[in-house]
Protein backbone atom coordinates (compact mmCIF):
# COMPACT_ATOMS: atom_id res chain seq x y z
CA MET A 1 0.53 -0.11 0.10
CA ASN A 2 1.38 3.19 -0.99
CA ARG A 3 1.18 6.13 1.47
CA LEU A 4 1.66 9.97 -0.09
CA GLN A 5 1.54 13.40 1.92
CA PHE A 6 -0.58 16.04 1.13
CA GLY A 7 -0.07 19.17 2.83
CA PRO A 8 -2.35 19.29 5.90
CA LEU A 9 -4.28 16.05 4.74
CA ALA A 10 -3.71 13.22 6.91
CA MET A 11 -2.21 10.76 4.34
CA MET A 12 -3.09 9.02 0.42
CA GLU A 13 -3.10 5.62 0.22
CA MET A 14 -3.73 3.29 -2.52
CA ALA A 15 -4.99 -0.02 -1.60
CA THR A 16 -2.87 -3.08 -4.00
CA ASN A 17 -5.56 -5.73 -4.01
CA GLU A 18 -8.87 -5.95 -4.42
CA ILE A 19 -11.71 -8.33 -2.95
CA PRO A 20 -14.71 -8.94 -4.90
CA SER A 21 -17.69 -7.59 -2.60
CA HIS A 22 -20.83 -9.97 -2.00
CA GLN A 23 -24.05 -9.52 -0.09
CA THR A 24 -24.03 -10.90 3.18
CA ASN A 25 -27.52 -10.82 5.26
CA SER A 26 -28.08 -10.49 8.90
CA ALA A 27 -30.24 -10.90 11.26
CA ASN A 28 -29.38 -8.18 13.33
CA THR A 29 -31.49 -5.52 11.12
CA ASP A 30 -34.73 -4.31 12.26
CA SER A 31 -37.08 -1.11 10.81
CA ILE A 32 -37.84 1.34 12.98
CA ASN A 33 -40.69 4.22 13.11
CA VAL A 34 -39.74 7.77 12.97
CA GLY A 35 -40.27 10.00 16.10
CA PRO A 36 -39.88 13.34 17.58
CA ALA A 37 -36.50 14.68 16.63
CA ASN A 38 -35.96 16.56 19.78
CA GLN A 39 -32.45 18.38 20.46
CA TRP A 40 -31.70 17.12 16.33
CA GLU A 41 -34.99 18.58 15.18
CA THR A 42 -34.29 21.01 12.72
CA GLY A 43 -37.84 21.50 10.86
CA GLN A 44 -39.03 19.61 7.95
CA ASP A 45 -39.74 21.42 4.64
CA PRO A 46 -43.70 21.14 4.36
CA GLN A 47 -42.67 20.84 0.67
CA LEU A 48 -41.33 16.98 1.72
CA SER A 49 -43.58 16.21 4.57
CA ALA A 50 -45.37 13.55 2.28
CA ALA A 51 -42.16 12.06 0.94
CA ARG A 52 -41.56 10.74 4.99
CA PRO A 53 -38.82 8.33 4.30
CA ASN A 54 -37.74 4.77 5.69
CA HIS A 55 -35.71 4.11 8.18
CA ARG A 56 -33.81 1.34 9.03
CA LEU A 57 -31.78 -0.10 12.28
CA PHE A 58 -28.80 -2.51 12.46
CA ILE A 59 -27.96 -4.47 15.67
CA PRO A 60 -24.62 -5.72 16.01
CA ALA A 61 -24.23 -9.11 17.46
CA GLY A 62 -23.87 -9.85 20.66
CA TYR A 63 -25.50 -6.63 21.69
CA GLU A 64 -24.11 -5.46 25.07
CA ARG A 65 -26.62 -2.70 26.71
CA ASN A 66 -24.33 -1.09 29.23
CA TYR A 67 -21.65 -0.59 26.26
CA ALA A 68 -21.91 2.56 24.57
CA TYR A 69 -21.95 1.99 20.99
CA PRO A 70 -20.49 4.10 18.10
CA LEU A 71 -23.65 5.12 15.43
CA LEU A 72 -22.67 4.73 11.75
CA VAL A 73 -25.60 6.66 9.95
CA TYR A 74 -25.41 5.52 6.47
CA LEU A 75 -26.86 7.20 3.10
CA HIS A 76 -27.46 5.39 0.07
CA ASP A 77 -26.52 5.70 -3.71
CA ALA A 78 -28.90 6.72 -6.72
CA GLN A 79 -31.63 4.07 -7.37
CA GLN A 80 -31.15 2.87 -3.81
CA ASP A 81 -33.03 2.97 -0.39
CA ALA A 82 -32.31 2.63 3.06
CA GLY A 83 -32.42 -1.14 2.98
CA GLN A 84 -29.01 -1.15 1.55
CA LEU A 85 -27.85 -0.99 4.95
CA HIS A 86 -28.77 -4.83 5.78
CA ARG A 87 -26.07 -5.44 2.92
CA LEU A 88 -23.56 -2.88 4.48
CA MET A 89 -22.81 -3.14 8.26
CA PRO A 90 -22.06 -7.11 8.04
CA GLN A 91 -19.65 -6.13 5.16
CA ILE A 92 -17.64 -3.23 7.71
CA SER A 93 -18.38 -5.21 11.34
CA LEU A 94 -21.30 -7.13 12.76
CA GLN A 95 -20.10 -6.56 16.54
CA ASN A 96 -18.63 -3.16 17.23
CA TYR A 97 -21.32 -0.60 15.69
CA VAL A 98 -24.94 0.38 15.81
CA GLY A 99 -26.34 0.90 12.06
CA CYS A 100 -28.78 3.33 11.22
CA ALA A 101 -30.10 4.23 7.47
CA PHE A 102 -32.67 6.61 5.69
CA THR A 103 -34.14 6.69 2.28
CA SER A 104 -33.17 9.84 0.53
CA PRO A 105 -37.02 12.19 1.22
CA SER A 106 -36.90 13.17 -2.37
CA GLN A 107 -40.29 12.94 -3.91
CA LEU A 108 -39.17 11.49 -7.25
CA LYS A 109 -39.44 7.28 -5.87
CA HIS A 110 -38.60 5.87 -8.48
CA GLN A 111 -35.07 7.40 -8.08
CA ARG A 112 -34.20 8.34 -4.67
CA ALA A 113 -31.73 10.54 -5.64
CA TRP A 114 -29.78 12.95 -2.88
CA GLN A 115 -30.92 16.62 -4.98
CA GLN A 116 -28.42 18.58 -3.16
CA HIS A 117 -31.16 22.21 -3.32
CA ASP A 118 -32.35 23.71 -0.41
CA THR A 119 -35.80 21.81 -0.13
CA MET A 120 -33.74 18.48 0.17
CA VAL A 121 -30.83 19.48 2.15
CA HIS A 122 -32.95 20.80 4.74
CA ALA A 123 -35.36 17.48 4.77
CA SER A 124 -32.54 15.45 4.37
CA LEU A 125 -31.18 17.17 8.24
CA ASP A 126 -34.81 16.12 9.59
CA ALA A 127 -34.45 12.95 8.60
CA LEU A 128 -31.50 12.49 9.62
CA ALA A 129 -32.51 13.85 13.13
CA GLN A 130 -35.37 11.46 13.02
CA THR A 131 -32.96 8.80 12.19
CA ILE A 132 -30.47 9.15 14.76
CA GLN A 133 -33.25 10.20 17.94
CA ASN A 134 -34.80 6.91 17.35
CA ALA A 135 -31.59 4.61 17.53
CA GLN A 136 -30.47 6.77 20.45
CA SER A 137 -34.35 5.76 22.24
CA ARG A 138 -33.73 1.83 21.11
CA LEU A 139 -30.53 1.75 21.75
CA ASN A 140 -27.12 2.42 24.22
CA ILE A 141 -25.54 4.64 21.69
CA ASN A 142 -22.27 6.68 22.10
CA GLN A 143 -23.42 10.20 21.51
CA ARG A 144 -19.70 11.50 20.90
CA LYS A 145 -19.07 9.02 18.75
CA ILE A 146 -21.64 9.81 15.38
CA PHE A 147 -20.45 9.02 12.49
CA LEU A 148 -22.17 9.67 8.76
CA MET A 149 -21.17 7.41 6.27
CA GLY A 150 -22.50 7.55 1.87
CA SER A 151 -21.91 5.99 -0.80
CA GLY A 152 -21.47 7.69 -4.41
CA LEU A 153 -24.44 10.56 -3.98
CA GLY A 154 -25.35 9.88 -0.63
CA GLY A 155 -21.83 10.40 0.03
CA CYS A 156 -21.74 13.61 -0.71
CA MET A 157 -24.74 14.52 1.08
CA ALA A 158 -23.10 12.97 3.76
CA MET A 159 -20.36 15.71 3.35
CA ARG A 160 -22.96 18.63 3.24
CA LEU A 161 -25.02 17.25 6.38
CA ALA A 162 -21.65 16.83 8.47
CA PHE A 163 -20.71 20.02 7.83
CA LEU A 164 -23.59 21.43 8.86
CA CYS A 165 -24.00 19.80 12.60
CA GLN A 166 -20.52 19.47 12.81
CA GLU A 167 -20.39 19.52 16.78
CA ARG A 168 -22.08 16.50 16.71
CA ILE A 169 -20.30 14.84 14.42
CA ALA A 170 -17.43 12.84 15.20
CA GLY A 171 -16.44 11.82 11.30
CA VAL A 172 -17.84 11.62 7.79
CA ILE A 173 -17.27 8.86 5.26
CA SER A 174 -17.70 9.13 1.65
CA LEU A 175 -17.27 6.23 -0.64
CA ASN A 176 -16.70 7.37 -4.10
CA GLY A 177 -18.40 10.32 -3.88
CA GLU A 178 -17.93 13.87 -4.63
CA LEU A 179 -17.66 17.33 -2.81
CA PRO A 180 -21.07 19.47 -2.72
CA ASN A 181 -20.88 21.84 -5.23
CA THR A 182 -23.72 24.06 -5.13
CA GLY A 183 -25.16 26.19 -1.98
CA PRO A 184 -23.30 27.44 1.07
CA TRP A 185 -21.91 24.43 2.01
CA LEU A 186 -18.55 25.21 3.89
CA SER A 187 -20.65 27.87 5.53
CA ARG A 188 -18.94 27.43 8.61
CA LEU A 189 -16.17 26.40 7.94
CA LYS A 190 -13.87 27.12 10.91
CA ALA A 191 -15.67 24.22 12.96
CA ALA A 192 -16.01 22.04 10.03
CA ARG A 193 -12.75 21.41 9.40
CA GLN A 194 -12.51 19.87 12.45
CA ILE A 195 -14.48 16.80 11.25
CA PRO A 196 -12.30 13.96 9.88
CA ILE A 197 -13.23 13.24 6.98
CA LEU A 198 -12.28 9.42 5.49
CA LEU A 199 -13.07 10.01 1.38
CA ALA A 200 -12.71 6.08 -0.37
CA HIS A 201 -11.92 6.91 -4.69
CA TYR A 202 -12.88 3.59 -7.06
CA ARG A 203 -10.28 3.97 -9.84
CA ASN A 204 -12.39 2.48 -12.62
CA SER A 205 -15.78 4.59 -11.65
CA ARG A 206 -17.42 6.32 -13.93
CA ASP A 207 -19.32 8.31 -11.86
CA PHE A 208 -16.77 10.10 -10.22
CA SER A 209 -13.18 10.55 -12.41
CA GLU A 210 -9.83 10.76 -11.07
CA GLN A 211 -9.65 14.85 -12.45
CA ARG A 212 -12.61 15.63 -10.14
CA LEU A 213 -10.76 13.59 -7.24
CA CYS A 214 -7.57 15.46 -7.72
CA GLU A 215 -10.39 19.22 -7.63
CA ASN A 216 -11.80 17.99 -4.37
CA LEU A 217 -8.27 17.40 -2.87
CA ILE A 218 -7.54 20.72 -3.80
CA LEU A 219 -10.42 22.45 -2.39
CA LEU A 220 -10.15 20.64 1.02
CA HIS A 221 -5.72 20.92 1.24
CA SER A 222 -7.00 24.68 0.41
CA ALA A 223 -9.69 24.79 3.44
CA GLY A 224 -7.54 23.29 5.60
CA PHE A 225 -9.52 19.94 6.21
CA SER A 226 -7.92 16.52 7.87
CA VAL A 227 -8.79 14.22 4.96
CA THR A 228 -7.83 10.16 4.76
CA MET A 229 -7.86 9.53 0.90
CA ARG A 230 -7.68 5.91 -0.17
CA GLN A 231 -7.94 4.55 -3.96
CA TYR A 232 -8.71 1.28 -4.80
CA PRO A 233 -8.62 -0.41 -8.08
CA CYS A 234 -12.29 -1.43 -8.63
CA ASP A 235 -15.53 0.09 -10.45
CA ASP A 236 -18.30 1.91 -8.81
CA ILE A 237 -19.24 -1.00 -6.99
CA GLY A 238 -16.39 -1.19 -4.85
CA CYS A 239 -14.76 -4.04 -2.94
CA ASP A 240 -14.44 -5.75 0.71
CA GLN A 241 -11.11 -3.85 1.16
CA VAL A 242 -13.48 -0.44 0.97
CA PHE A 243 -15.36 -1.98 4.14
CA ARG A 244 -12.36 -3.29 5.90
CA ASP A 245 -10.58 -0.10 5.70
CA VAL A 246 -13.77 1.66 6.81
CA ASN A 247 -13.86 -0.22 10.18
CA ARG A 248 -10.24 0.38 10.70
CA TRP A 249 -11.02 3.94 10.24
CA VAL A 250 -13.59 4.38 12.65
CA MET A 251 -12.26 1.87 14.95
CA ASP A 252 -8.88 4.01 15.83
CA SER A 253 -11.15 7.44 16.09
CA VAL A 254 -13.09 5.89 18.55
CA THR A 255 -10.19 3.93 20.53
CA SER A 256 -8.13 7.45 20.39
CA GLY A 257 -10.86 9.58 21.30
């Protein structure tokens, strides 16, 4: 694995071995109903009130109620929904985290994309608040170890949401997702740059080119962010090494914190 330094960025690593990903089902998954957002409440835009998203919850194997678990909140890619959590979490870890997800509140139900306009961002913030609150109401969650993670367009939205509620987010993981390119997504730059970022890029991706990756890294460098960037020799589907690295990166953050 090659490691390069990029200014204040933490590291740039390239995985050398690709292992094909596979689907794994877990019995420790559940659906949850939305409830009041409490301290996470942001207010939902009435234009999207009829498009209340699905929520999913992943309970780790051997759940111990006296231990406060880190929480991974997952935002799916386009053409997917919150059910993708059931495949993803077992590939990261069966035991280390509670996982939760919500489907994009887009009214374009056939698309389920994360549009970057203000209405969608506000609705996504509200759905994020509800999802986290429901996980906290049912399971023992470490409130200081909440991580946002997204794939593709979901990775882009995960970064946007993390930068908007940076006081409550311990880190953000983007799996082949670009930086936001519309709206004032860096309006809280001083606080946002304190959020650790894991950026995984798939070298053979059709959706996220290496040129765009370089542009993103230059912008993050200029803004003073600390980023761990890893590139993998795979296409937009990803590979198992990605999820092993996610687990390692999050656990390093949890244990060092």
